[in-house]
Protein backbone atom coordinates (compact mmCIF):
# COMPACT_ATOMS: atom_id res chain seq x y z
CA MET A 1 157.36 -160.36 66.26
CA LYS A 2 155.62 -163.18 68.13
CA VAL A 3 158.03 -162.88 71.16
CA PHE A 4 157.07 -159.16 71.16
CA TRP A 5 153.45 -160.14 71.36
CA VAL A 6 154.03 -162.76 74.19
CA LEU A 7 156.04 -160.35 76.19
CA LEU A 8 153.42 -157.54 75.89
CA TYR A 9 150.49 -159.75 76.62
CA ASN A 10 151.94 -161.38 79.64
CA GLY A 11 153.86 -158.30 80.98
CA PHE A 12 151.06 -155.75 80.42
CA ILE A 13 147.80 -156.67 78.61
CA TYR A 14 146.55 -159.55 80.58
CA PRO A 15 147.80 -158.26 84.05
CA LEU A 16 145.83 -155.16 83.24
CA ILE A 17 142.70 -157.19 82.25
CA PHE A 18 142.98 -159.29 85.36
CA VAL A 19 143.14 -156.29 87.76
CA PHE A 20 140.42 -154.40 85.78
CA ALA A 21 138.24 -157.52 86.13
CA LEU A 22 138.67 -157.73 89.83
CA VAL A 23 137.76 -154.39 90.37
CA ILE A 24 134.54 -154.56 88.26
CA SER A 25 133.78 -157.91 89.92
CA ILE A 26 132.94 -155.96 93.03
CA PHE A 27 129.92 -154.43 91.39
CA ASP A 28 129.12 -157.23 88.72
CA GLU A 29 127.84 -160.51 90.06
CA LYS A 30 128.18 -162.47 86.82
CA LEU A 31 131.91 -161.43 86.54
CA ARG A 32 132.35 -162.12 90.31
CA LYS A 33 131.06 -165.78 89.80
CA SER A 34 133.26 -166.21 86.70
CA ILE A 35 136.39 -165.04 88.88
CA ILE A 36 135.69 -167.37 91.76
CA GLY A 37 135.07 -170.18 89.28
CA LYS A 38 138.49 -169.56 87.74
CA PHE A 39 140.10 -169.87 91.05
CA LYS A 40 138.53 -173.37 91.51
CA SER A 41 139.45 -174.69 88.01
CA THR A 42 142.81 -176.31 88.87
CA SER A 43 141.31 -178.12 91.88
CA LEU A 44 138.51 -179.48 90.00
CA LEU A 45 140.75 -180.82 87.34
CA LYS A 46 143.05 -182.50 89.90
CA GLN A 47 139.98 -184.18 91.60
CA TYR A 48 138.62 -185.38 88.31
CA PHE A 49 141.78 -186.70 86.77
CA LYS A 50 143.41 -188.33 89.76
CA LYS A 51 140.93 -191.26 89.43
CA PHE A 52 142.61 -192.42 86.26
CA ASN A 53 145.56 -194.82 86.50
CA GLU A 54 146.64 -193.90 82.96
CA PRO A 55 145.98 -190.43 81.34
CA PRO A 56 142.53 -190.71 79.44
CA ILE A 57 142.18 -189.30 75.76
CA ALA A 58 140.92 -185.76 76.61
CA TYR A 59 139.39 -183.16 74.32
CA TRP A 60 139.26 -179.62 75.87
CA PHE A 61 136.51 -177.49 74.37
CA HIS A 62 136.19 -173.86 75.34
CA ALA A 63 132.98 -171.80 74.90
CA ALA A 64 132.52 -168.07 75.96
CA SER A 65 129.09 -168.51 77.07
CA LEU A 66 125.71 -170.43 76.37
CA GLY A 67 125.48 -169.23 72.79
CA GLU A 68 128.85 -170.77 71.93
CA PHE A 69 127.81 -173.90 73.81
CA TYR A 70 125.09 -174.46 71.50
CA GLN A 71 127.80 -174.63 68.69
CA VAL A 72 129.74 -176.94 70.84
CA LYS A 73 126.95 -179.27 71.77
CA PRO A 74 126.26 -181.16 68.49
CA VAL A 75 129.89 -181.67 68.07
CA ILE A 76 130.58 -183.33 71.45
CA ASP A 77 127.39 -185.30 71.28
CA GLY A 78 128.61 -186.69 67.93
CA LEU A 79 132.02 -187.26 69.28
CA LYS A 80 130.60 -189.50 72.13
CA GLU A 81 128.66 -191.50 69.60
CA VAL A 82 131.77 -192.42 67.78
CA ARG A 83 134.35 -192.36 70.39
CA ASP A 84 132.86 -192.91 73.88
CA ASP A 85 136.42 -193.33 75.09
CA ILE A 86 137.23 -189.73 74.73
CA LYS A 87 136.75 -187.53 77.80
CA ILE A 88 135.07 -184.14 77.06
CA ILE A 89 136.16 -181.30 79.20
CA VAL A 90 134.31 -178.04 78.46
CA SER A 91 135.40 -174.74 79.96
CA PHE A 92 133.53 -171.44 79.98
CA SER A 93 134.16 -167.74 80.50
CA SER A 94 130.61 -166.86 81.49
CA PRO A 95 128.31 -167.96 84.11
CA SER A 96 125.43 -168.25 81.78
CA GLY A 97 127.27 -170.93 80.10
CA TYR A 98 128.62 -172.87 82.91
CA GLU A 99 125.30 -172.83 84.90
CA ASN A 100 122.93 -173.76 82.03
CA SER A 101 125.09 -176.22 79.94
CA ILE A 102 123.31 -179.36 80.90
CA ASN A 103 124.63 -182.25 78.80
CA GLU A 104 125.47 -185.74 79.26
CA SER A 105 128.34 -185.74 76.87
CA ILE A 106 130.23 -183.41 79.11
CA ASP A 107 132.56 -185.34 81.53
CA LEU A 108 133.70 -182.31 83.42
CA LYS A 109 132.93 -178.68 83.00
CA ILE A 110 134.88 -175.85 84.48
CA TYR A 111 135.53 -172.02 84.33
CA ALA A 112 138.48 -171.44 82.05
CA PRO A 113 141.61 -171.00 84.07
CA PHE A 114 143.15 -167.49 84.35
CA ASP A 115 145.31 -166.96 81.13
CA PHE A 116 148.67 -166.66 83.15
CA PRO A 117 151.29 -168.91 81.83
CA TRP A 118 151.55 -170.77 85.18
CA SER A 119 147.74 -171.32 85.41
CA ILE A 120 147.57 -172.85 81.83
CA ILE A 121 150.78 -174.91 82.40
CA LYS A 122 149.11 -176.38 85.49
CA ALA A 123 145.86 -177.20 83.52
CA LEU A 124 147.79 -178.62 80.50
CA ASN A 125 149.91 -180.89 83.04
CA ILE A 126 146.85 -182.25 84.75
CA MET A 127 144.64 -182.59 81.84
CA ARG A 128 147.19 -183.78 79.05
CA PRO A 129 144.64 -182.88 76.49
CA ARG A 130 144.96 -184.56 73.06
CA LYS A 131 143.16 -181.43 71.29
CA ILE A 132 142.10 -177.98 72.48
CA ILE A 133 139.10 -176.69 70.46
CA PHE A 134 137.60 -173.28 70.87
CA ALA A 135 134.03 -172.37 69.64
CA SER A 136 133.90 -169.41 67.39
CA TYR A 137 136.01 -166.38 68.87
CA ASP A 138 136.86 -166.55 72.57
CA ILE A 139 140.45 -167.57 72.15
CA TRP A 140 143.21 -167.09 74.85
CA PRO A 141 146.76 -166.31 73.67
CA ASN A 142 148.62 -168.39 76.41
CA MET A 143 146.36 -171.34 75.93
CA ILE A 144 147.29 -171.39 72.33
CA TRP A 145 151.02 -170.51 72.57
CA LEU A 146 151.69 -172.99 75.33
CA ALA A 147 149.73 -175.70 73.58
CA LYS A 148 151.93 -175.16 70.44
CA ILE A 149 155.05 -175.47 72.64
CA LYS A 150 153.83 -178.85 74.11
CA GLY A 151 152.78 -180.12 70.63
CA ILE A 152 149.03 -180.05 71.57
CA TYR A 153 146.65 -179.88 68.57
CA THR A 154 144.56 -176.66 68.79
CA ASN A 155 141.47 -175.61 66.60
CA ILE A 156 138.85 -172.92 66.32
CA PHE A 157 135.61 -174.02 64.65
CA ALA A 158 132.54 -171.75 63.48
CA ALA A 159 135.35 -169.01 63.22
CA ARG A 160 134.02 -165.64 61.79
CA ILE A 161 135.71 -162.34 60.93
CA LYS A 162 133.08 -159.63 60.69
CA HIS A 163 132.81 -157.08 58.02
CA ARG A 164 135.29 -154.22 58.94
CA SER A 165 136.45 -156.39 61.97
CA PRO A 166 139.00 -154.60 64.41
CA LYS A 167 141.19 -157.82 63.77
CA LEU A 168 141.95 -156.59 60.34
CA ARG A 169 143.54 -153.38 61.47
CA PRO A 170 147.39 -153.14 61.31
CA VAL A 171 148.24 -153.55 65.03
CA LEU A 172 145.59 -156.05 66.00
CA LYS A 173 146.20 -157.82 62.79
CA GLN A 174 149.62 -158.69 63.87
CA PHE A 175 148.57 -159.60 67.54
CA TYR A 176 145.96 -162.11 66.04
CA LYS A 177 148.38 -163.35 63.40
CA SER A 178 150.57 -164.39 66.27
CA MET A 179 147.78 -166.49 67.73
CA TYR A 180 146.24 -167.81 64.51
CA ALA A 181 149.75 -168.92 63.16
CA SER A 182 150.14 -171.05 66.31
CA ILE A 183 146.74 -172.95 65.79
CA SER A 184 146.78 -176.34 64.05
CA SER A 185 143.36 -175.81 62.17
CA ILE A 186 140.66 -173.24 61.50
CA TYR A 187 137.26 -174.09 60.45
CA THR A 188 135.38 -171.09 59.28
CA VAL A 189 131.51 -170.47 58.78
CA SER A 190 131.68 -169.26 55.38
CA GLU A 191 134.03 -168.52 52.39
CA THR A 192 134.21 -164.74 53.25
CA ASP A 193 135.28 -165.53 56.91
CA SER A 194 138.04 -167.82 55.29
CA VAL A 195 139.37 -165.05 53.11
CA GLY A 196 139.30 -162.99 56.27
CA ILE A 197 141.51 -165.53 58.34
CA ASN A 198 143.71 -165.81 55.49
CA THR A 199 144.19 -162.12 55.08
CA ILE A 200 145.27 -162.10 58.81
CA LEU A 201 147.83 -164.94 58.37
CA GLY A 202 149.28 -163.47 55.21
CA LEU A 203 151.88 -166.07 53.66
CA ASN A 204 151.76 -168.01 56.94
CA SER A 205 150.01 -171.27 55.81
CA SER A 206 150.60 -173.05 59.16
CA PRO A 207 147.01 -173.92 60.12
CA PHE A 208 144.60 -175.58 57.79
CA VAL A 209 141.84 -173.19 56.94
CA LYS A 210 138.47 -174.94 55.83
CA VAL A 211 135.09 -173.75 55.39
CA LEU A 212 132.74 -176.25 57.37
CA GLY A 213 129.81 -173.99 58.42
CA ASN A 214 128.20 -173.48 61.85
CA PRO A 215 127.02 -176.38 63.85
CA ARG A 216 124.47 -174.29 65.74
CA TYR A 217 122.14 -174.81 62.86
CA ASP A 218 122.16 -178.45 63.78
CA THR A 219 121.56 -177.83 67.52
CA VAL A 220 118.54 -175.69 66.60
CA MET A 221 117.15 -178.34 64.24
CA LYS A 222 117.56 -181.02 66.97
CA SER A 223 115.66 -178.98 69.58
CA SER A 224 112.84 -178.38 67.25
CA GLU A 225 112.33 -182.13 66.87
CA ASP A 226 111.42 -182.19 70.70
CA VAL A 227 108.44 -179.69 70.20
CA SER A 228 104.99 -181.01 69.98
CA LEU A 229 103.09 -181.64 66.78
CA GLN A 230 102.27 -178.15 66.78
CA LYS A 231 105.33 -177.39 64.90
CA THR A 232 103.90 -178.66 61.67
CA ASP A 233 101.21 -175.93 61.67
CA SER A 234 101.67 -173.10 59.18
CA VAL A 235 101.99 -169.71 60.65
CA LEU A 236 98.69 -168.82 58.92
CA LYS A 237 96.85 -171.39 61.14
CA ARG A 238 98.35 -169.84 64.51
CA GLU A 239 97.23 -167.20 66.77
CA LYS A 240 98.02 -163.58 65.54
CA ARG A 241 100.82 -163.19 68.15
CA ILE A 242 104.10 -161.13 67.86
CA ILE A 243 106.94 -162.58 69.86
CA ILE A 244 109.60 -160.35 71.10
CA GLY A 245 112.72 -162.44 72.17
CA SER A 246 115.60 -161.17 74.24
CA ALA A 247 114.76 -157.59 74.25
CA HIS A 248 117.26 -155.08 75.76
CA GLU A 249 116.29 -151.96 77.50
CA GLU A 250 117.16 -149.98 74.23
CA ASP A 251 114.80 -152.21 72.30
CA ASP A 252 112.15 -151.58 74.71
CA ASP A 253 112.21 -147.70 74.03
CA PHE A 254 110.64 -148.32 70.60
CA LEU A 255 109.08 -151.68 70.81
CA ILE A 256 106.70 -150.86 73.60
CA PRO A 257 104.98 -147.80 71.81
CA ALA A 258 104.87 -149.51 68.54
CA LEU A 259 103.39 -152.66 69.87
CA ALA A 260 100.80 -150.56 71.93
CA ASP A 261 99.92 -148.90 68.60
CA LEU A 262 99.67 -152.14 66.76
CA MET A 263 97.55 -153.79 69.41
CA GLU A 264 95.16 -150.86 69.06
CA GLU A 265 95.02 -151.03 65.42
CA HIS A 266 94.62 -154.81 65.40
CA PRO A 267 92.33 -155.91 68.33
CA ASP A 268 92.79 -159.43 67.75
CA MET A 269 96.88 -159.12 67.90
CA LYS A 270 98.60 -160.68 70.90
CA VAL A 271 102.12 -160.02 72.15
CA LEU A 272 104.62 -162.27 73.90
CA TYR A 273 107.54 -160.29 75.32
CA ALA A 274 110.59 -161.74 76.53
CA PRO A 275 113.35 -159.51 78.13
CA HIS A 276 116.86 -160.71 77.68
CA GLU A 277 117.36 -161.00 81.30
CA PRO A 278 113.84 -161.51 82.92
CA SER A 279 114.92 -160.06 86.23
CA ARG A 280 111.89 -158.76 88.52
CA THR A 281 113.11 -155.11 88.04
CA ALA A 282 112.88 -155.82 84.17
CA ILE A 283 109.57 -157.29 84.10
CA ASP A 284 108.17 -154.46 86.36
CA ARG A 285 109.68 -151.71 84.14
CA ILE A 286 108.17 -153.25 81.01
CA SER A 287 104.95 -153.90 82.64
CA LYS A 288 104.48 -150.31 83.83
CA ARG A 289 105.32 -148.92 80.39
CA PHE A 290 102.80 -151.07 78.75
CA LYS A 291 100.47 -150.16 81.43
CA LYS A 292 100.90 -146.42 80.58
CA SER A 293 99.53 -147.25 77.04
CA GLY A 294 96.49 -149.13 78.47
CA TYR A 295 97.60 -152.58 78.32
CA ARG A 296 97.96 -154.94 81.43
CA ASN A 297 100.05 -158.17 81.28
CA THR A 298 100.21 -161.58 82.85
CA THR A 299 103.80 -163.13 83.62
CA PHE A 300 104.64 -166.48 82.08
CA THR A 301 106.60 -168.44 84.62
CA LYS A 302 106.34 -172.19 83.70
CA LYS A 303 109.22 -174.34 82.47
CA SER A 304 107.57 -177.37 81.35
CA ASP A 305 103.80 -176.72 80.25
CA MET A 306 104.06 -174.26 77.32
CA THR A 307 100.39 -173.54 77.17
CA LEU A 308 99.86 -169.94 77.00
CA SER A 309 96.87 -167.99 78.34
CA SER A 310 94.41 -166.10 76.33
CA ASP A 311 95.90 -162.61 77.61
CA ARG A 312 96.65 -160.17 74.91
CA LEU A 313 100.04 -159.34 76.58
CA ILE A 314 102.28 -161.94 78.24
CA ILE A 315 105.66 -161.05 79.66
CA VAL A 316 108.06 -164.04 80.02
CA GLY A 317 109.63 -164.42 83.31
CA VAL A 318 111.85 -167.28 83.13
CA VAL A 319 114.89 -168.38 80.86
CA GLY A 320 115.11 -171.41 78.66
CA VAL A 321 111.82 -171.52 77.19
CA LEU A 322 111.70 -169.15 74.32
CA SER A 323 112.71 -171.50 71.62
CA LYS A 324 109.45 -173.47 72.42
CA LEU A 325 107.21 -170.54 72.56
CA TYR A 326 108.32 -169.26 69.18
CA TRP A 327 106.06 -171.90 67.84
CA GLN A 328 103.05 -170.04 68.98
CA GLY A 329 103.78 -166.86 67.18
CA ILE A 330 103.72 -165.79 63.58
CA ILE A 331 106.22 -162.85 63.68
CA ALA A 332 109.54 -162.50 65.75
CA PHE A 333 111.75 -159.62 66.68
CA VAL A 334 115.07 -160.58 68.20
CA GLY A 335 116.77 -157.95 70.47
CA GLY A 336 120.28 -156.80 70.92
CA GLY A 337 120.59 -155.10 67.67
CA LEU A 338 120.66 -151.66 68.87
CA SER A 339 123.36 -152.29 71.62
CA THR A 340 125.49 -155.40 72.17
CA GLY A 341 124.47 -157.27 69.00
CA ILE A 342 121.48 -159.43 68.22
CA HIS A 343 120.65 -162.71 69.93
CA ASN A 344 119.77 -166.09 68.59
CA VAL A 345 117.77 -165.57 65.42
CA MET A 346 117.84 -169.35 64.36
CA GLU A 347 115.00 -170.39 66.98
CA PRO A 348 112.35 -168.12 65.69
CA ALA A 349 113.64 -169.14 61.87
CA ILE A 350 113.22 -172.80 62.70
CA ALA A 351 109.79 -172.10 64.18
CA ARG A 352 108.75 -170.73 60.78
CA LEU A 353 108.64 -167.01 61.73
CA PRO A 354 109.96 -164.17 59.68
CA VAL A 355 112.42 -162.59 62.04
CA LEU A 356 113.04 -158.82 62.45
CA PHE A 357 116.24 -157.46 64.24
CA GLY A 358 118.46 -154.35 64.77
CA PRO A 359 121.31 -153.16 62.80
CA LYS A 360 124.07 -154.78 64.89
CA TYR A 361 123.96 -158.14 63.30
CA HIS A 362 127.00 -158.50 61.21
CA HIS A 363 128.54 -161.04 63.87
CA ALA A 364 125.70 -163.37 62.97
CA HIS A 365 126.06 -165.20 59.68
CA GLU A 366 122.71 -166.67 60.00
CA ALA A 367 121.26 -163.15 60.38
CA GLU A 368 123.03 -162.19 57.05
CA GLU A 369 121.48 -165.43 55.41
CA LEU A 370 117.99 -164.53 56.59
CA LEU A 371 118.26 -161.14 55.07
CA LYS A 372 119.84 -162.42 51.87
CA PHE A 373 116.95 -165.09 51.36
CA GLY A 374 114.09 -162.97 52.55
CA GLY A 375 113.45 -164.46 55.92
CA GLY A 376 114.86 -161.68 57.99
CA PHE A 377 114.57 -157.85 57.99
CA CYS A 378 116.91 -155.26 59.64
CA ILE A 379 114.84 -152.74 61.58
CA ASN A 380 116.16 -149.32 62.59
CA GLY A 381 113.56 -147.91 64.75
CA GLN A 382 110.03 -147.57 65.67
CA ASN A 383 108.38 -146.51 62.35
CA GLU A 384 110.27 -149.08 60.46
CA PHE A 385 109.11 -151.77 62.98
CA HIS A 386 105.58 -150.84 62.81
CA ASP A 387 105.38 -150.66 58.97
CA LYS A 388 106.95 -154.11 58.60
CA ILE A 389 104.62 -155.73 60.92
CA ILE A 390 101.66 -154.06 59.22
CA GLN A 391 102.99 -155.28 55.76
CA LEU A 392 103.47 -158.90 57.17
CA LEU A 393 99.92 -158.96 58.87
CA SER A 394 98.07 -157.32 55.90
CA ASP A 395 99.48 -159.79 53.20
CA ARG A 396 98.98 -163.35 54.23
CA LYS A 397 100.86 -164.50 51.04
CA TYR A 398 103.84 -162.45 51.91
CA LEU A 399 103.88 -163.77 55.45
CA LYS A 400 103.74 -167.32 54.29
CA LEU A 401 106.68 -166.62 51.76
CA THR A 402 108.79 -164.99 54.49
CA SER A 403 108.09 -167.78 56.92
CA LEU A 404 109.19 -170.43 54.52
CA ALA A 405 112.26 -168.33 53.52
CA ALA A 406 113.37 -168.30 57.32
CA THR A 407 113.00 -172.01 57.72
CA ASP A 408 114.82 -172.74 54.53
CA VAL A 409 117.96 -170.88 55.91
CA ILE A 410 118.21 -173.44 58.49
CA HIS A 411 117.75 -176.45 56.21
CA LYS A 412 120.32 -175.07 53.80
CA ASN A 413 123.02 -174.92 56.44
CA LEU A 414 122.65 -178.21 58.22
CA GLY A 415 125.34 -180.85 58.53
CA SER A 416 128.15 -178.63 59.95
CA SER A 417 128.74 -180.59 63.09
CA SER A 418 129.35 -183.98 61.13
CA ARG A 419 131.97 -182.16 58.98
CA ILE A 420 133.62 -180.85 62.08
CA ILE A 421 133.66 -184.08 64.02
CA ARG A 422 135.04 -185.93 60.71
CA ASN A 423 137.78 -183.33 60.46
CA LEU A 424 138.58 -183.15 64.04
CA LEU A 425 139.20 -186.84 64.42
CA ASN A 426 141.15 -186.95 61.13
CA ASP A 427 143.28 -183.79 61.09
């Protein structure tokens, strides 16, 4: 059965993906950057490794994008602390990860090579990695199959199997089984994920499957320690500011009219609005819609000074600052839950904010934890959003309770990166 999938993937599936990506890249700048970067990967590897007389001990980490890099970060930082002789190579699929992953623990970062057998063989022969480690989900079949043939240890950490995941359907289940069965070890986020992985594997007990948690909690906690002393303030002592983080256009449709109504009902309420991609077009679109409701905005464009103006409506026009700005709010809504899936709910949670988000959250274990412990709320539309904000604003005891519940979720899940490092070194 595995031979069938190898032939199908290399003879049809991946060539089709490759051609489709080339066509789409004509119109998509991000995809175009990724493809150009992939063409350069082999030369970057050659240039880096030619300086060593003897092949170094190299660990190859792969992250799809910036979100997955936040899972990788505490692991590679910890590895460097205990084994500074290990060379850390990190590959990305997306420009957002490649361009924004600034970290001293990375010895070389590249775009992941194309998943053609010859591209992967070249990369493996140049790098000779001791281990290949995937963050969460972005696994590539030929990387796994060829690593298995070459006797290279492979691992996935922070692995998740979503509720009703397509991976559990008969045909895809067999495809993923051909990959998972070739992996040396799999570390899942939760016991439920472990059950899902074992359901795919069936009786094949080749990889070790362990529940080790999500290291992104550790990243969020570490980042929060760099925020000013303001972080010690209870939400009850902060300005009455609602923070909208990583909003998509689908979110704008109900958020903007709801927020306009809330600002009219609560004259002391302020709004900080951060679009997922703060392009000039997105900022202008949001600004015009608020203006129609009678509210003018200022645009926040600073990257170092996090002091906010006294304006009631501020639109964030830069990336990389939202995690710090959450500390100046009392309630957060995180976007993406009406389209591609919610973004980072950990950052507002560690900032002690109750977190609202849309119904597409099942890929995020942390969102499920927030719902379970009362620090998060699933919102399906304008009326639910309005009513939940009113409930939180009108009941200070309830606001404080949900605030503490959100932060407790982060604290309960700390320590994953240490467990992953220990197991990666010993397995």
